[in-house]
Amino acid sequence: MFKRPLFPEEYEPVAAVEADSIDEVFEKTNHITQNWENNKGVIALHTFGKQHRSTSVGDVVVDDSNKPLICASCGWKEI
């Protein structure tokens, strides 16, 4: 049985992103035309020995009001 990691204990921050919407955060943290670490408005928080992957289902974004949102198979859900 798959058990989703506990937030925030089992999550690790990987980036600070300047964006106008949660959808823009998703776009800026995906490898579309280049490695997302090179996108304008993105500051990658490097963890020794780890490569960053694109944002996907199960990833969490914390917005400006400190509200965590989890990436769902369709859109975002509050957790």
N, C-alpha and C. Protein backbone atom coordinates (compact mmCIF):
# COMPACT_ATOMS: atom_id res chain seq x y z
N MET A 1 0.84 -1.17 0.00
CA MET A 1 0.00 0.00 0.00
C MET A 1 0.90 1.25 0.00
N PHE A 2 0.58 2.21 -0.87
CA PHE A 2 1.33 3.46 -0.94
C PHE A 2 0.87 4.40 0.15
N LYS A 3 1.83 4.95 0.87
CA LYS A 3 1.53 5.93 1.91
C LYS A 3 2.16 7.26 1.52
N ARG A 4 1.34 8.27 1.37
CA ARG A 4 1.84 9.60 1.03
C ARG A 4 2.68 10.12 2.18
N PRO A 5 3.84 10.76 1.89
CA PRO A 5 4.66 11.34 2.95
C PRO A 5 3.89 12.38 3.76
N LEU A 6 4.26 12.53 5.00
CA LEU A 6 3.63 13.52 5.88
C LEU A 6 4.19 14.91 5.58
N PHE A 7 3.30 15.89 5.52
CA PHE A 7 3.73 17.26 5.31
C PHE A 7 3.62 18.00 6.64
N PRO A 8 4.62 18.74 7.04
CA PRO A 8 5.86 19.08 6.36
C PRO A 8 7.05 18.18 6.74
N GLU A 9 6.86 17.28 7.69
CA GLU A 9 7.99 16.50 8.23
C GLU A 9 8.81 15.76 7.17
N GLU A 10 8.15 15.17 6.19
CA GLU A 10 8.84 14.32 5.23
C GLU A 10 9.03 14.98 3.86
N TYR A 11 8.86 16.28 3.80
CA TYR A 11 9.08 17.03 2.57
C TYR A 11 10.33 17.89 2.71
N GLU A 12 10.95 18.17 1.58
CA GLU A 12 12.16 18.98 1.56
C GLU A 12 11.98 20.11 0.55
N PRO A 13 12.20 21.37 0.96
CA PRO A 13 12.06 22.47 0.00
C PRO A 13 13.12 22.37 -1.10
N VAL A 14 12.70 22.59 -2.34
CA VAL A 14 13.64 22.51 -3.46
C VAL A 14 13.76 23.82 -4.24
N ALA A 15 12.82 24.76 -4.03
CA ALA A 15 12.90 26.01 -4.79
C ALA A 15 12.05 27.10 -4.15
N ALA A 16 12.45 28.33 -4.44
CA ALA A 16 11.64 29.51 -4.15
C ALA A 16 11.26 30.05 -5.53
N VAL A 17 9.97 30.28 -5.73
CA VAL A 17 9.49 30.66 -7.06
C VAL A 17 8.65 31.92 -6.97
N GLU A 18 8.97 32.89 -7.83
CA GLU A 18 8.18 34.11 -7.94
C GLU A 18 7.20 33.90 -9.09
N ALA A 19 5.90 33.92 -8.77
CA ALA A 19 4.88 33.68 -9.79
C ALA A 19 3.58 34.36 -9.38
N ASP A 20 2.72 34.57 -10.36
CA ASP A 20 1.42 35.20 -10.13
C ASP A 20 0.32 34.20 -9.81
N SER A 21 0.57 32.90 -10.06
CA SER A 21 -0.44 31.89 -9.80
C SER A 21 0.22 30.54 -9.54
N ILE A 22 -0.55 29.63 -8.98
CA ILE A 22 -0.05 28.28 -8.73
C ILE A 22 0.26 27.57 -10.05
N ASP A 23 -0.52 27.87 -11.08
CA ASP A 23 -0.26 27.27 -12.39
C ASP A 23 1.05 27.76 -12.99
N GLU A 24 1.39 29.02 -12.71
CA GLU A 24 2.67 29.56 -13.18
C GLU A 24 3.83 28.90 -12.42
N VAL A 25 3.64 28.61 -11.13
CA VAL A 25 4.66 27.88 -10.37
C VAL A 25 4.89 26.52 -11.02
N PHE A 26 3.82 25.82 -11.36
CA PHE A 26 3.93 24.51 -12.01
C PHE A 26 4.72 24.62 -13.31
N GLU A 27 4.37 25.61 -14.13
CA GLU A 27 5.05 25.79 -15.41
C GLU A 27 6.54 26.10 -15.21
N LYS A 28 6.84 26.98 -14.25
CA LYS A 28 8.24 27.38 -14.02
C LYS A 28 9.09 26.27 -13.41
N THR A 29 8.45 25.26 -12.82
CA THR A 29 9.23 24.19 -12.19
C THR A 29 9.11 22.87 -12.96
N ASN A 30 8.93 22.99 -14.26
CA ASN A 30 8.94 21.83 -15.15
C ASN A 30 9.96 22.04 -16.25
N HIS A 31 10.59 20.95 -16.63
CA HIS A 31 11.57 20.99 -17.72
C HIS A 31 10.79 21.03 -19.04
N ILE A 32 10.58 22.21 -19.58
CA ILE A 32 9.81 22.36 -20.82
C ILE A 32 10.77 22.67 -21.97
N THR A 33 11.35 23.85 -21.98
CA THR A 33 12.33 24.20 -23.02
C THR A 33 13.75 24.20 -22.48
N GLN A 34 13.88 24.12 -21.15
CA GLN A 34 15.19 24.11 -20.51
C GLN A 34 15.03 23.56 -19.10
N ASN A 35 16.14 23.33 -18.43
CA ASN A 35 16.11 22.90 -17.05
C ASN A 35 15.41 23.98 -16.24
N TRP A 36 14.42 23.61 -15.43
CA TRP A 36 13.64 24.62 -14.71
C TRP A 36 14.47 25.48 -13.77
N GLU A 37 15.61 24.97 -13.33
CA GLU A 37 16.47 25.77 -12.44
C GLU A 37 16.96 27.05 -13.12
N ASN A 38 16.89 27.10 -14.44
CA ASN A 38 17.33 28.27 -15.20
C ASN A 38 16.21 29.24 -15.53
N ASN A 39 14.99 28.94 -15.12
CA ASN A 39 13.85 29.81 -15.42
C ASN A 39 13.89 31.08 -14.59
N LYS A 40 13.46 32.19 -15.21
CA LYS A 40 13.39 33.48 -14.53
C LYS A 40 12.41 33.39 -13.35
N GLY A 41 12.80 33.92 -12.22
CA GLY A 41 11.95 33.92 -11.05
C GLY A 41 12.05 32.66 -10.20
N VAL A 42 13.00 31.79 -10.52
CA VAL A 42 13.18 30.54 -9.78
C VAL A 42 14.54 30.53 -9.11
N ILE A 43 14.54 30.25 -7.83
CA ILE A 43 15.79 30.06 -7.09
C ILE A 43 15.79 28.62 -6.60
N ALA A 44 16.66 27.81 -7.20
CA ALA A 44 16.76 26.41 -6.79
C ALA A 44 17.53 26.33 -5.48
N LEU A 45 17.01 25.55 -4.57
CA LEU A 45 17.66 25.32 -3.28
C LEU A 45 18.39 23.98 -3.41
N HIS A 46 19.65 24.03 -3.67
CA HIS A 46 20.41 22.82 -3.97
C HIS A 46 20.64 21.97 -2.73
N THR A 47 20.41 20.70 -2.91
CA THR A 47 20.69 19.71 -1.90
C THR A 47 21.81 18.85 -2.44
N PHE A 48 22.87 18.71 -1.70
CA PHE A 48 24.06 18.00 -2.16
C PHE A 48 23.70 16.62 -2.71
N GLY A 49 24.14 16.37 -3.94
CA GLY A 49 23.99 15.06 -4.55
C GLY A 49 22.63 14.74 -5.15
N LYS A 50 21.70 15.68 -5.09
CA LYS A 50 20.37 15.42 -5.64
C LYS A 50 20.12 16.27 -6.88
N GLN A 51 19.47 15.65 -7.87
CA GLN A 51 19.04 16.40 -9.04
C GLN A 51 17.56 16.73 -8.87
N HIS A 52 17.19 17.89 -9.36
CA HIS A 52 15.78 18.29 -9.27
C HIS A 52 15.02 17.74 -10.46
N ARG A 53 13.81 17.28 -10.18
CA ARG A 53 12.92 16.81 -11.24
C ARG A 53 11.78 17.81 -11.38
N SER A 54 10.99 17.64 -12.41
CA SER A 54 9.84 18.51 -12.62
C SER A 54 8.79 18.29 -11.54
N THR A 55 8.00 19.34 -11.27
CA THR A 55 6.89 19.23 -10.33
C THR A 55 5.88 18.23 -10.87
N SER A 56 5.39 17.36 -9.99
CA SER A 56 4.42 16.35 -10.42
C SER A 56 3.46 16.02 -9.28
N VAL A 57 2.54 15.11 -9.55
CA VAL A 57 1.52 14.70 -8.58
C VAL A 57 2.19 14.31 -7.26
N GLY A 58 1.64 14.85 -6.17
CA GLY A 58 2.16 14.57 -4.84
C GLY A 58 3.11 15.63 -4.31
N ASP A 59 3.59 16.51 -5.18
CA ASP A 59 4.47 17.59 -4.74
C ASP A 59 3.63 18.68 -4.07
N VAL A 60 4.26 19.41 -3.16
CA VAL A 60 3.57 20.45 -2.40
C VAL A 60 4.17 21.81 -2.70
N VAL A 61 3.30 22.79 -2.88
CA VAL A 61 3.70 24.19 -3.03
C VAL A 61 3.05 24.95 -1.88
N VAL A 62 3.83 25.79 -1.22
CA VAL A 62 3.30 26.64 -0.15
C VAL A 62 3.19 28.05 -0.72
N ASP A 63 1.97 28.60 -0.69
CA ASP A 63 1.76 29.92 -1.30
C ASP A 63 2.16 31.05 -0.35
N ASP A 64 1.98 32.29 -0.81
CA ASP A 64 2.37 33.48 -0.04
C ASP A 64 1.68 33.58 1.31
N SER A 65 0.49 33.01 1.42
CA SER A 65 -0.22 33.07 2.69
C SER A 65 0.10 31.87 3.58
N ASN A 66 1.15 31.12 3.19
CA ASN A 66 1.64 29.95 3.94
C ASN A 66 0.66 28.78 3.89
N LYS A 67 -0.19 28.73 2.85
CA LYS A 67 -1.15 27.65 2.66
C LYS A 67 -0.52 26.58 1.77
N PRO A 68 -0.41 25.32 2.25
CA PRO A 68 0.15 24.26 1.42
C PRO A 68 -0.89 23.69 0.46
N LEU A 69 -0.47 23.52 -0.78
CA LEU A 69 -1.31 22.93 -1.83
C LEU A 69 -0.57 21.74 -2.41
N ILE A 70 -1.27 20.63 -2.59
CA ILE A 70 -0.65 19.44 -3.16
C ILE A 70 -1.08 19.31 -4.62
N CYS A 71 -0.12 18.95 -5.47
CA CYS A 71 -0.40 18.75 -6.88
C CYS A 71 -1.19 17.45 -7.02
N ALA A 72 -2.39 17.55 -7.57
CA ALA A 72 -3.26 16.40 -7.77
C ALA A 72 -3.20 15.96 -9.23
N SER A 73 -3.86 14.86 -9.54
CA SER A 73 -3.85 14.39 -10.93
C SER A 73 -4.53 15.40 -11.86
N CYS A 74 -5.37 16.25 -11.29
CA CYS A 74 -6.00 17.33 -12.04
C CYS A 74 -6.10 18.54 -11.13
N GLY A 75 -5.16 19.47 -11.26
CA GLY A 75 -5.19 20.69 -10.46
C GLY A 75 -4.50 20.55 -9.12
N TRP A 76 -4.90 21.39 -8.17
CA TRP A 76 -4.27 21.49 -6.85
C TRP A 76 -5.32 21.34 -5.76
N LYS A 77 -4.93 20.76 -4.62
CA LYS A 77 -5.84 20.61 -3.50
C LYS A 77 -5.15 21.10 -2.23
N GLU A 78 -5.93 21.76 -1.35
CA GLU A 78 -5.38 22.18 -0.05
C GLU A 78 -5.13 20.94 0.81
N ILE A 79 -4.05 21.02 1.60
CA ILE A 79 -3.80 19.94 2.56
C ILE A 79 -3.70 20.50 3.94
